[in-house]
Amino acid sequence: MLNVALEKTGCRLHAYVLMKNHVHLLLTPSEPGAVAKLFMSLGGSYVPYFNRKYGRSGTLWERRYYSSVIDSEEYLLCCYRYIEMNPVRAAIVDDPAFYRYSSYRANALGEPCKLITPHESYMGMASDAYERRLAYQALFREQLEPGVMAAIRASLHQSKPVGNSKFINKVAEITRQKCEIVPRGRPQADK
Protein backbone atom coordinates (compact mmCIF):
# COMPACT_ATOMS: atom_id res chain seq x y z
CA MET A 1 0.00 0.00 0.00
CA LEU A 2 2.91 2.33 0.73
CA ASN A 3 4.44 1.57 -2.66
CA VAL A 4 1.15 2.40 -4.40
CA ALA A 5 0.88 5.66 -2.43
CA LEU A 6 4.47 6.58 -3.32
CA GLU A 7 3.83 5.95 -7.02
CA LYS A 8 0.52 7.82 -6.94
CA THR A 9 1.97 10.93 -5.27
CA GLY A 10 5.46 10.92 -6.79
CA CYS A 11 7.07 11.03 -3.34
CA ARG A 12 10.46 9.36 -3.00
CA LEU A 13 11.13 7.34 0.16
CA HIS A 14 14.75 7.32 1.39
CA ALA A 15 14.46 5.73 4.84
CA TYR A 16 11.71 4.25 6.99
CA VAL A 17 10.96 2.31 10.13
CA LEU A 18 7.64 0.74 11.05
CA MET A 19 7.24 0.47 14.81
CA LYS A 20 4.28 -0.95 16.77
CA ASN A 21 2.88 2.47 17.64
CA HIS A 22 4.38 4.84 15.06
CA VAL A 23 6.10 5.11 11.69
CA HIS A 24 8.97 7.27 10.47
CA LEU A 25 9.31 8.06 6.77
CA LEU A 26 12.09 10.16 5.23
CA LEU A 27 10.53 11.50 2.04
CA THR A 28 11.19 13.90 -0.79
CA PRO A 29 7.86 15.16 -2.11
CA SER A 30 7.33 15.66 -5.84
CA GLU A 31 5.36 18.89 -5.29
CA PRO A 32 3.79 20.93 -2.49
CA GLY A 33 1.06 18.92 -0.78
CA ALA A 34 2.37 15.54 -1.98
CA VAL A 35 3.12 14.27 1.54
CA ALA A 36 -0.43 15.06 2.68
CA LYS A 37 -1.75 13.23 -0.39
CA LEU A 38 0.48 10.26 0.44
CA PHE A 39 -1.00 9.99 3.94
CA MET A 40 -4.55 10.43 2.62
CA SER A 41 -3.88 7.61 0.15
CA LEU A 42 -2.50 5.37 2.90
CA GLY A 43 -5.43 6.17 5.18
CA GLY A 44 -7.89 5.42 2.39
CA SER A 45 -6.41 1.97 1.73
CA TYR A 46 -4.81 0.75 4.97
CA VAL A 47 -7.51 1.75 7.47
CA PRO A 48 -10.34 -0.16 5.71
CA TYR A 49 -8.02 -3.18 5.26
CA PHE A 50 -7.04 -3.14 8.95
CA ASN A 51 -10.64 -2.68 10.12
CA ARG A 52 -11.88 -5.59 7.96
CA LYS A 53 -9.03 -7.84 9.10
CA TYR A 54 -9.58 -7.16 12.80
CA GLY A 55 -13.37 -6.65 12.81
CA ARG A 56 -13.26 -3.07 13.96
CA SER A 57 -14.35 0.34 12.69
CA GLY A 58 -13.19 3.93 12.87
CA THR A 59 -9.88 5.63 12.42
CA LEU A 60 -6.51 4.22 13.46
CA TRP A 61 -4.55 7.41 13.89
CA GLU A 62 -5.01 9.71 16.87
CA ARG A 63 -3.81 12.90 15.22
CA ARG A 64 -2.29 14.26 12.04
CA TYR A 65 1.22 13.33 11.03
CA TYR A 66 4.24 15.37 12.06
CA SER A 67 6.62 16.62 9.40
CA SER A 68 9.76 18.73 9.07
CA VAL A 69 11.77 20.18 6.23
CA ILE A 70 15.37 18.92 6.51
CA ASP A 71 18.62 20.65 5.64
CA SER A 72 20.00 17.88 3.46
CA GLU A 73 23.61 19.04 3.56
CA GLU A 74 23.97 18.92 7.31
CA TYR A 75 21.14 16.86 8.77
CA LEU A 76 19.81 14.40 6.19
CA LEU A 77 22.13 11.50 7.04
CA CYS A 78 21.50 12.21 10.75
CA CYS A 79 17.79 11.73 10.03
CA TYR A 80 18.53 8.44 8.25
CA ARG A 81 20.32 7.31 11.43
CA TYR A 82 17.63 8.68 13.74
CA ILE A 83 14.98 6.70 11.85
CA GLU A 84 16.82 3.43 11.35
CA MET A 85 18.17 3.31 14.93
CA ASN A 86 14.65 3.60 16.38
CA PRO A 87 14.31 -0.18 17.06
CA VAL A 88 17.71 -0.16 18.81
CA ARG A 89 16.76 2.82 21.01
CA ALA A 90 13.48 1.02 21.82
CA ALA A 91 15.53 -2.05 22.92
CA ILE A 92 13.81 -4.30 20.36
CA VAL A 93 17.09 -5.30 18.68
CA ASP A 94 20.80 -4.74 19.36
CA ASP A 95 21.65 -4.01 15.72
CA PRO A 96 19.43 -2.24 13.16
CA ALA A 97 20.18 -5.03 10.66
CA PHE A 98 18.08 -7.39 12.78
CA TYR A 99 14.89 -5.33 12.45
CA ARG A 100 13.03 -6.34 9.32
CA TYR A 101 10.58 -3.39 9.19
CA SER A 102 13.22 -0.82 8.38
CA SER A 103 15.18 0.50 5.42
CA TYR A 104 18.52 -0.19 7.13
CA ARG A 105 19.17 -3.45 5.31
CA ALA A 106 18.51 -1.77 1.95
CA ASN A 107 20.66 1.28 2.71
CA ALA A 108 23.49 -0.43 4.63
CA LEU A 109 23.56 -3.94 3.21
CA GLY A 110 22.25 -3.50 -0.33
CA GLU A 111 19.20 -5.70 0.20
CA PRO A 112 16.71 -5.00 -2.62
CA CYS A 113 13.74 -2.84 -1.59
CA LYS A 114 11.44 -1.40 -4.24
CA LEU A 115 10.20 1.25 -1.80
CA ILE A 116 13.59 2.98 -1.43
CA THR A 117 14.96 5.69 -3.71
CA PRO A 118 18.46 6.72 -2.60
CA HIS A 119 18.82 10.45 -1.85
CA GLU A 120 21.63 12.34 -3.58
CA SER A 121 23.34 12.91 -0.19
CA TYR A 122 23.36 9.15 0.38
CA MET A 123 24.64 8.58 -3.17
CA GLY A 124 27.37 11.17 -2.57
CA MET A 125 28.91 9.10 0.22
CA ALA A 126 30.93 7.11 -2.38
CA SER A 127 30.90 6.55 -6.13
CA ASP A 128 30.74 2.75 -5.82
CA ALA A 129 27.77 0.93 -4.23
CA TYR A 130 29.97 -1.32 -2.06
CA GLU A 131 32.02 1.62 -0.73
CA ARG A 132 28.80 3.60 -0.16
CA ARG A 133 27.36 0.79 1.97
CA LEU A 134 30.60 0.60 4.00
CA ALA A 135 30.53 4.36 4.56
CA TYR A 136 26.88 4.17 5.56
CA GLN A 137 27.55 1.34 8.02
CA ALA A 138 30.38 3.39 9.53
CA LEU A 139 27.90 6.17 10.38
CA PHE A 140 26.08 3.72 12.67
CA ARG A 141 29.16 2.85 14.69
CA GLU A 142 28.86 6.18 16.49
CA GLN A 143 25.79 7.35 18.33
CA LEU A 144 24.01 10.50 17.28
CA GLU A 145 24.90 13.39 19.54
CA PRO A 146 22.16 14.00 22.12
CA GLY A 147 21.82 17.60 20.89
CA VAL A 148 21.22 16.45 17.31
CA MET A 149 18.65 13.87 18.46
CA ALA A 150 16.88 16.48 20.58
CA ALA A 151 16.84 18.95 17.65
CA ILE A 152 15.38 16.35 15.28
CA ARG A 153 12.73 15.32 17.84
CA ALA A 154 11.73 18.88 18.76
CA SER A 155 11.62 20.00 15.14
CA LEU A 156 9.51 17.03 14.16
CA HIS A 157 6.98 17.42 16.98
CA GLN A 158 6.56 21.13 16.25
CA SER A 159 6.68 20.79 12.43
CA LYS A 160 9.70 23.09 12.28
CA PRO A 161 12.67 22.79 9.92
CA VAL A 162 15.72 20.72 10.93
CA GLY A 163 19.00 22.40 10.14
CA ASN A 164 21.50 25.08 11.00
CA SER A 165 20.42 28.66 11.73
CA LYS A 166 21.12 29.85 8.16
CA PHE A 167 18.84 27.12 6.76
CA ILE A 168 16.10 27.78 9.34
CA ASN A 169 16.20 31.53 8.61
CA LYS A 170 15.92 30.82 4.88
CA VAL A 171 12.87 28.58 5.43
CA ALA A 172 11.31 31.28 7.64
CA GLU A 173 11.93 33.88 4.92
CA ILE A 174 10.40 31.69 2.18
CA THR A 175 7.40 30.54 4.20
CA ARG A 176 6.92 33.80 6.13
CA GLN A 177 6.40 31.75 9.27
CA LYS A 178 8.26 31.55 12.56
CA CYS A 179 10.56 28.54 12.49
CA GLU A 180 12.25 28.55 15.88
CA ILE A 181 11.54 25.77 18.36
CA VAL A 182 9.26 26.87 21.20
CA PRO A 183 9.89 25.25 24.60
CA ARG A 184 7.03 23.01 25.73
CA GLY A 185 4.80 24.04 28.60
CA ARG A 186 3.62 27.34 29.94
CA PRO A 187 6.00 30.30 29.99
CA GLN A 188 7.53 30.96 33.40
CA ALA A 189 6.13 33.92 35.32
CA ASP A 190 8.46 36.83 35.96
CA LYS A 191 9.68 37.00 39.57
C-alpha atoms as a PDB file:
ATOM      1  CA  MET A   1       0.000   0.000   0.000  1.00  0.00           C
ATOM      2  CA  LEU A   2       2.905   2.334   0.735  1.00  0.00           C
ATOM      3  CA  ASN A   3       4.444   1.570  -2.655  1.00  0.00           C
ATOM      4  CA  VAL A   4       1.152   2.402  -4.402  1.00  0.00           C
ATOM      5  CA  ALA A   5       0.878   5.662  -2.429  1.00  0.00           C
ATOM      6  CA  LEU A   6       4.471   6.578  -3.318  1.00  0.00           C
ATOM      7  CA  GLU A   7       3.827   5.950  -7.018  1.00  0.00           C
ATOM      8  CA  LYS A   8       0.518   7.825  -6.941  1.00  0.00           C
ATOM      9  CA  THR A   9       1.975  10.928  -5.268  1.00  0.00           C
ATOM     10  CA  GLY A  10       5.460  10.918  -6.795  1.00  0.00           C
ATOM     11  CA  CYS A  11       7.068  11.028  -3.339  1.00  0.00           C
ATOM     12  CA  ARG A  12      10.461   9.356  -2.997  1.00  0.00           C
ATOM     13  CA  LEU A  13      11.130   7.338   0.159  1.00  0.00           C
ATOM     14  CA  HIS A  14      14.745   7.322   1.389  1.00  0.00           C
ATOM     15  CA  ALA A  15      14.456   5.728   4.840  1.00  0.00           C
ATOM     16  CA  TYR A  16      11.708   4.252   6.991  1.00  0.00           C
ATOM     17  CA  VAL A  17      10.962   2.312  10.133  1.00  0.00           C
ATOM     18  CA  LEU A  18       7.639   0.740  11.046  1.00  0.00           C
ATOM     19  CA  MET A  19       7.236   0.465  14.809  1.00  0.00           C
ATOM     20  CA  LYS A  20       4.280  -0.947  16.769  1.00  0.00           C
ATOM     21  CA  ASN A  21       2.883   2.471  17.642  1.00  0.00           C
ATOM     22  CA  HIS A  22       4.380   4.839  15.060  1.00  0.00           C
ATOM     23  CA  VAL A  23       6.097   5.108  11.694  1.00  0.00           C
ATOM     24  CA  HIS A  24       8.973   7.271  10.474  1.00  0.00           C
ATOM     25  CA  LEU A  25       9.307   8.057   6.765  1.00  0.00           C
ATOM     26  CA  LEU A  26      12.093  10.162   5.227  1.00  0.00           C
ATOM     27  CA  LEU A  27      10.527  11.498   2.037  1.00  0.00           C
ATOM     28  CA  THR A  28      11.194  13.897  -0.790  1.00  0.00           C
ATOM     29  CA  PRO A  29       7.857  15.158  -2.114  1.00  0.00           C
ATOM     30  CA  SER A  30       7.333  15.662  -5.838  1.00  0.00           C
ATOM     31  CA  GLU A  31       5.359  18.888  -5.289  1.00  0.00           C
ATOM     32  CA  PRO A  32       3.792  20.930  -2.493  1.00  0.00           C
ATOM     33  CA  GLY A  33       1.058  18.924  -0.779  1.00  0.00           C
ATOM     34  CA  ALA A  34       2.370  15.541  -1.979  1.00  0.00           C
ATOM     35  CA  VAL A  35       3.118  14.271   1.544  1.00  0.00           C
ATOM     36  CA  ALA A  36      -0.433  15.056   2.685  1.00  0.00           C
ATOM     37  CA  LYS A  37      -1.745  13.230  -0.392  1.00  0.00           C
ATOM     38  CA  LEU A  38       0.476  10.258   0.438  1.00  0.00           C
ATOM     39  CA  PHE A  39      -1.000   9.992   3.939  1.00  0.00           C
ATOM     40  CA  MET A  40      -4.548  10.428   2.620  1.00  0.00           C
ATOM     41  CA  SER A  41      -3.884   7.613   0.147  1.00  0.00           C
ATOM     42  CA  LEU A  42      -2.502   5.372   2.901  1.00  0.00           C
ATOM     43  CA  GLY A  43      -5.427   6.175   5.175  1.00  0.00           C
ATOM     44  CA  GLY A  44      -7.894   5.421   2.391  1.00  0.00           C
ATOM     45  CA  SER A  45      -6.415   1.971   1.733  1.00  0.00           C
ATOM     46  CA  TYR A  46      -4.811   0.749   4.970  1.00  0.00           C
ATOM     47  CA  VAL A  47      -7.509   1.754   7.471  1.00  0.00           C
ATOM     48  CA  PRO A  48     -10.344  -0.164   5.706  1.00  0.00           C
ATOM     49  CA  TYR A  49      -8.023  -3.177   5.260  1.00  0.00           C
ATOM     50  CA  PHE A  50      -7.039  -3.142   8.953  1.00  0.00           C
ATOM     51  CA  ASN A  51     -10.635  -2.675  10.116  1.00  0.00           C
ATOM     52  CA  ARG A  52     -11.877  -5.593   7.960  1.00  0.00           C
ATOM     53  CA  LYS A  53      -9.034  -7.838   9.097  1.00  0.00           C
ATOM     54  CA  TYR A  54      -9.577  -7.162  12.799  1.00  0.00           C
ATOM     55  CA  GLY A  55     -13.366  -6.652  12.812  1.00  0.00           C
ATOM     56  CA  ARG A  56     -13.263  -3.073  13.965  1.00  0.00           C
ATOM     57  CA  SER A  57     -14.350   0.342  12.694  1.00  0.00           C
ATOM     58  CA  GLY A  58     -13.189   3.932  12.866  1.00  0.00           C
ATOM     59  CA  THR A  59      -9.882   5.628  12.421  1.00  0.00           C
ATOM     60  CA  LEU A  60      -6.511   4.223  13.462  1.00  0.00           C
ATOM     61  CA  TRP A  61      -4.552   7.412  13.893  1.00  0.00           C
ATOM     62  CA  GLU A  62      -5.010   9.706  16.875  1.00  0.00           C
ATOM     63  CA  ARG A  63      -3.809  12.901  15.218  1.00  0.00           C
ATOM     64  CA  ARG A  64      -2.294  14.258  12.041  1.00  0.00           C
ATOM     65  CA  TYR A  65       1.220  13.326  11.032  1.00  0.00           C
ATOM     66  CA  TYR A  66       4.241  15.370  12.058  1.00  0.00           C
ATOM     67  CA  SER A  67       6.622  16.616   9.399  1.00  0.00           C
ATOM     68  CA  SER A  68       9.756  18.725   9.068  1.00  0.00           C
ATOM     69  CA  VAL A  69      11.771  20.183   6.231  1.00  0.00           C
ATOM     70  CA  ILE A  70      15.367  18.923   6.515  1.00  0.00           C
ATOM     71  CA  ASP A  71      18.619  20.655   5.640  1.00  0.00           C
ATOM     72  CA  SER A  72      19.998  17.877   3.461  1.00  0.00           C
ATOM     73  CA  GLU A  73      23.608  19.045   3.556  1.00  0.00           C
ATOM     74  CA  GLU A  74      23.973  18.923   7.312  1.00  0.00           C
ATOM     75  CA  TYR A  75      21.139  16.863   8.765  1.00  0.00           C
ATOM     76  CA  LEU A  76      19.807  14.397   6.188  1.00  0.00           C
ATOM     77  CA  LEU A  77      22.125  11.503   7.040  1.00  0.00           C
ATOM     78  CA  CYS A  78      21.502  12.207  10.745  1.00  0.00           C
ATOM     79  CA  CYS A  79      17.790  11.735  10.029  1.00  0.00           C
ATOM     80  CA  TYR A  80      18.531   8.438   8.254  1.00  0.00           C
ATOM     81  CA  ARG A  81      20.320   7.306  11.428  1.00  0.00           C
ATOM     82  CA  TYR A  82      17.629   8.677  13.742  1.00  0.00           C
ATOM     83  CA  ILE A  83      14.983   6.700  11.851  1.00  0.00           C
ATOM     84  CA  GLU A  84      16.820   3.427  11.348  1.00  0.00           C
ATOM     85  CA  MET A  85      18.166   3.310  14.928  1.00  0.00           C
ATOM     86  CA  ASN A  86      14.650   3.595  16.383  1.00  0.00           C
ATOM     87  CA  PRO A  87      14.313  -0.181  17.061  1.00  0.00           C
ATOM     88  CA  VAL A  88      17.711  -0.161  18.810  1.00  0.00           C
ATOM     89  CA  ARG A  89      16.756   2.822  21.011  1.00  0.00           C
ATOM     90  CA  ALA A  90      13.484   1.019  21.820  1.00  0.00           C
ATOM     91  CA  ALA A  91      15.533  -2.052  22.918  1.00  0.00           C
ATOM     92  CA  ILE A  92      13.807  -4.305  20.363  1.00  0.00           C
ATOM     93  CA  VAL A  93      17.088  -5.299  18.682  1.00  0.00           C
ATOM     94  CA  ASP A  94      20.800  -4.735  19.357  1.00  0.00           C
ATOM     95  CA  ASP A  95      21.645  -4.010  15.721  1.00  0.00           C
ATOM     96  CA  PRO A  96      19.431  -2.236  13.156  1.00  0.00           C
ATOM     97  CA  ALA A  97      20.184  -5.030  10.657  1.00  0.00           C
ATOM     98  CA  PHE A  98      18.078  -7.389  12.783  1.00  0.00           C
ATOM     99  CA  TYR A  99      14.894  -5.326  12.454  1.00  0.00           C
ATOM    100  CA  ARG A 100      13.028  -6.341   9.317  1.00  0.00           C
ATOM    101  CA  TYR A 101      10.580  -3.394   9.186  1.00  0.00           C
ATOM    102  CA  SER A 102      13.223  -0.820   8.376  1.00  0.00           C
ATOM    103  CA  SER A 103      15.181   0.496   5.417  1.00  0.00           C
ATOM    104  CA  TYR A 104      18.523  -0.188   7.130  1.00  0.00           C
ATOM    105  CA  ARG A 105      19.167  -3.447   5.308  1.00  0.00           C
ATOM    106  CA  ALA A 106      18.508  -1.771   1.954  1.00  0.00           C
ATOM    107  CA  ASN A 107      20.665   1.279   2.707  1.00  0.00           C
ATOM    108  CA  ALA A 108      23.488  -0.431   4.630  1.00  0.00           C
ATOM    109  CA  LEU A 109      23.564  -3.941   3.206  1.00  0.00           C
ATOM    110  CA  GLY A 110      22.254  -3.497  -0.334  1.00  0.00           C
ATOM    111  CA  GLU A 111      19.204  -5.701   0.198  1.00  0.00           C
ATOM    112  CA  PRO A 112      16.708  -4.998  -2.620  1.00  0.00           C
ATOM    113  CA  CYS A 113      13.739  -2.840  -1.592  1.00  0.00           C
ATOM    114  CA  LYS A 114      11.436  -1.397  -4.236  1.00  0.00           C
ATOM    115  CA  LEU A 115      10.203   1.253  -1.801  1.00  0.00           C
ATOM    116  CA  ILE A 116      13.591   2.975  -1.434  1.00  0.00           C
ATOM    117  CA  THR A 117      14.959   5.690  -3.711  1.00  0.00           C
ATOM    118  CA  PRO A 118      18.457   6.723  -2.596  1.00  0.00           C
ATOM    119  CA  HIS A 119      18.824  10.450  -1.846  1.00  0.00           C
ATOM    120  CA  GLU A 120      21.630  12.345  -3.575  1.00  0.00           C
ATOM    121  CA  SER A 121      23.336  12.910  -0.190  1.00  0.00           C
ATOM    122  CA  TYR A 122      23.355   9.148   0.377  1.00  0.00           C
ATOM    123  CA  MET A 123      24.639   8.581  -3.168  1.00  0.00           C
ATOM    124  CA  GLY A 124      27.375  11.173  -2.571  1.00  0.00           C
ATOM    125  CA  MET A 125      28.913   9.103   0.216  1.00  0.00           C
ATOM    126  CA  ALA A 126      30.925   7.112  -2.378  1.00  0.00           C
ATOM    127  CA  SER A 127      30.903   6.551  -6.135  1.00  0.00           C
ATOM    128  CA  ASP A 128      30.735   2.749  -5.822  1.00  0.00           C
ATOM    129  CA  ALA A 129      27.769   0.929  -4.234  1.00  0.00           C
ATOM    130  CA  TYR A 130      29.967  -1.321  -2.062  1.00  0.00           C
ATOM    131  CA  GLU A 131      32.017   1.617  -0.730  1.00  0.00           C
ATOM    132  CA  ARG A 132      28.799   3.595  -0.160  1.00  0.00           C
ATOM    133  CA  ARG A 133      27.361   0.793   1.967  1.00  0.00           C
ATOM    134  CA  LEU A 134      30.596   0.597   4.002  1.00  0.00           C
ATOM    135  CA  ALA A 135      30.527   4.363   4.561  1.00  0.00           C
ATOM    136  CA  TYR A 136      26.878   4.170   5.560  1.00  0.00           C
ATOM    137  CA  GLN A 137      27.545   1.337   8.017  1.00  0.00           C
ATOM    138  CA  ALA A 138      30.378   3.391   9.527  1.00  0.00           C
ATOM    139  CA  LEU A 139      27.900   6.167  10.382  1.00  0.00           C
ATOM    140  CA  PHE A 140      26.076   3.723  12.666  1.00  0.00           C
ATOM    141  CA  ARG A 141      29.163   2.846  14.695  1.00  0.00           C
ATOM    142  CA  GLU A 142      28.862   6.177  16.489  1.00  0.00           C
ATOM    143  CA  GLN A 143      25.787   7.346  18.328  1.00  0.00           C
ATOM    144  CA  LEU A 144      24.006  10.501  17.278  1.00  0.00           C
ATOM    145  CA  GLU A 145      24.901  13.387  19.540  1.00  0.00           C
ATOM    146  CA  PRO A 146      22.156  14.002  22.116  1.00  0.00           C
ATOM    147  CA  GLY A 147      21.817  17.603  20.888  1.00  0.00           C
ATOM    148  CA  VAL A 148      21.216  16.449  17.309  1.00  0.00           C
ATOM    149  CA  MET A 149      18.652  13.872  18.462  1.00  0.00           C
ATOM    150  CA  ALA A 150      16.876  16.484  20.577  1.00  0.00           C
ATOM    151  CA  ALA A 151      16.843  18.946  17.652  1.00  0.00           C
ATOM    152  CA  ILE A 152      15.377  16.351  15.284  1.00  0.00           C
ATOM    153  CA  ARG A 153      12.731  15.321  17.839  1.00  0.00           C
ATOM    154  CA  ALA A 154      11.730  18.875  18.761  1.00  0.00           C
ATOM    155  CA  SER A 155      11.619  20.005  15.135  1.00  0.00           C
ATOM    156  CA  LEU A 156       9.506  17.028  14.159  1.00  0.00           C
ATOM    157  CA  HIS A 157       6.980  17.425  16.977  1.00  0.00           C
ATOM    158  CA  GLN A 158       6.562  21.131  16.254  1.00  0.00           C
ATOM    159  CA  SER A 159       6.685  20.788  12.434  1.00  0.00           C
ATOM    160  CA  LYS A 160       9.700  23.090  12.280  1.00  0.00           C
ATOM    161  CA  PRO A 161      12.675  22.785   9.917  1.00  0.00           C
ATOM    162  CA  VAL A 162      15.720  20.716  10.933  1.00  0.00           C
ATOM    163  CA  GLY A 163      19.005  22.396  10.141  1.00  0.00           C
ATOM    164  CA  ASN A 164      21.504  25.079  11.003  1.00  0.00           C
ATOM    165  CA  SER A 165      20.422  28.661  11.732  1.00  0.00           C
ATOM    166  CA  LYS A 166      21.115  29.849   8.163  1.00  0.00           C
ATOM    167  CA  PHE A 167      18.837  27.124   6.760  1.00  0.00           C
ATOM    168  CA  ILE A 168      16.103  27.784   9.337  1.00  0.00           C
ATOM    169  CA  ASN A 169      16.197  31.531   8.612  1.00  0.00           C
ATOM    170  CA  LYS A 170      15.925  30.816   4.875  1.00  0.00           C
ATOM    171  CA  VAL A 171      12.868  28.579   5.429  1.00  0.00           C
ATOM    172  CA  ALA A 172      11.314  31.280   7.640  1.00  0.00           C
ATOM    173  CA  GLU A 173      11.929  33.884   4.921  1.00  0.00           C
ATOM    174  CA  ILE A 174      10.403  31.690   2.180  1.00  0.00           C
ATOM    175  CA  THR A 175       7.397  30.541   4.197  1.00  0.00           C
ATOM    176  CA  ARG A 176       6.916  33.798   6.128  1.00  0.00           C
ATOM    177  CA  GLN A 177       6.403  31.748   9.268  1.00  0.00           C
ATOM    178  CA  LYS A 178       8.264  31.547  12.564  1.00  0.00           C
ATOM    179  CA  CYS A 179      10.564  28.535  12.486  1.00  0.00           C
ATOM    180  CA  GLU A 180      12.250  28.548  15.881  1.00  0.00           C
ATOM    181  CA  ILE A 181      11.545  25.767  18.360  1.00  0.00           C
ATOM    182  CA  VAL A 182       9.264  26.867  21.197  1.00  0.00           C
ATOM    183  CA  PRO A 183       9.891  25.250  24.598  1.00  0.00           C
ATOM    184  CA  ARG A 184       7.029  23.012  25.732  1.00  0.00           C
ATOM    185  CA  GLY A 185       4.800  24.039  28.604  1.00  0.00           C
ATOM    186  CA  ARG A 186       3.616  27.344  29.939  1.00  0.00           C
ATOM    187  CA  PRO A 187       6.004  30.299  29.993  1.00  0.00           C
ATOM    188  CA  GLN A 188       7.531  30.960  33.396  1.00  0.00           C
ATOM    189  CA  ALA A 189       6.130  33.920  35.322  1.00  0.00           C
ATOM    190  CA  ASP A 190       8.458  36.831  35.965  1.00  0.00           C
ATOM    191  CA  LYS A 191       9.683  36.998  39.566  1.00  0.00           C
END
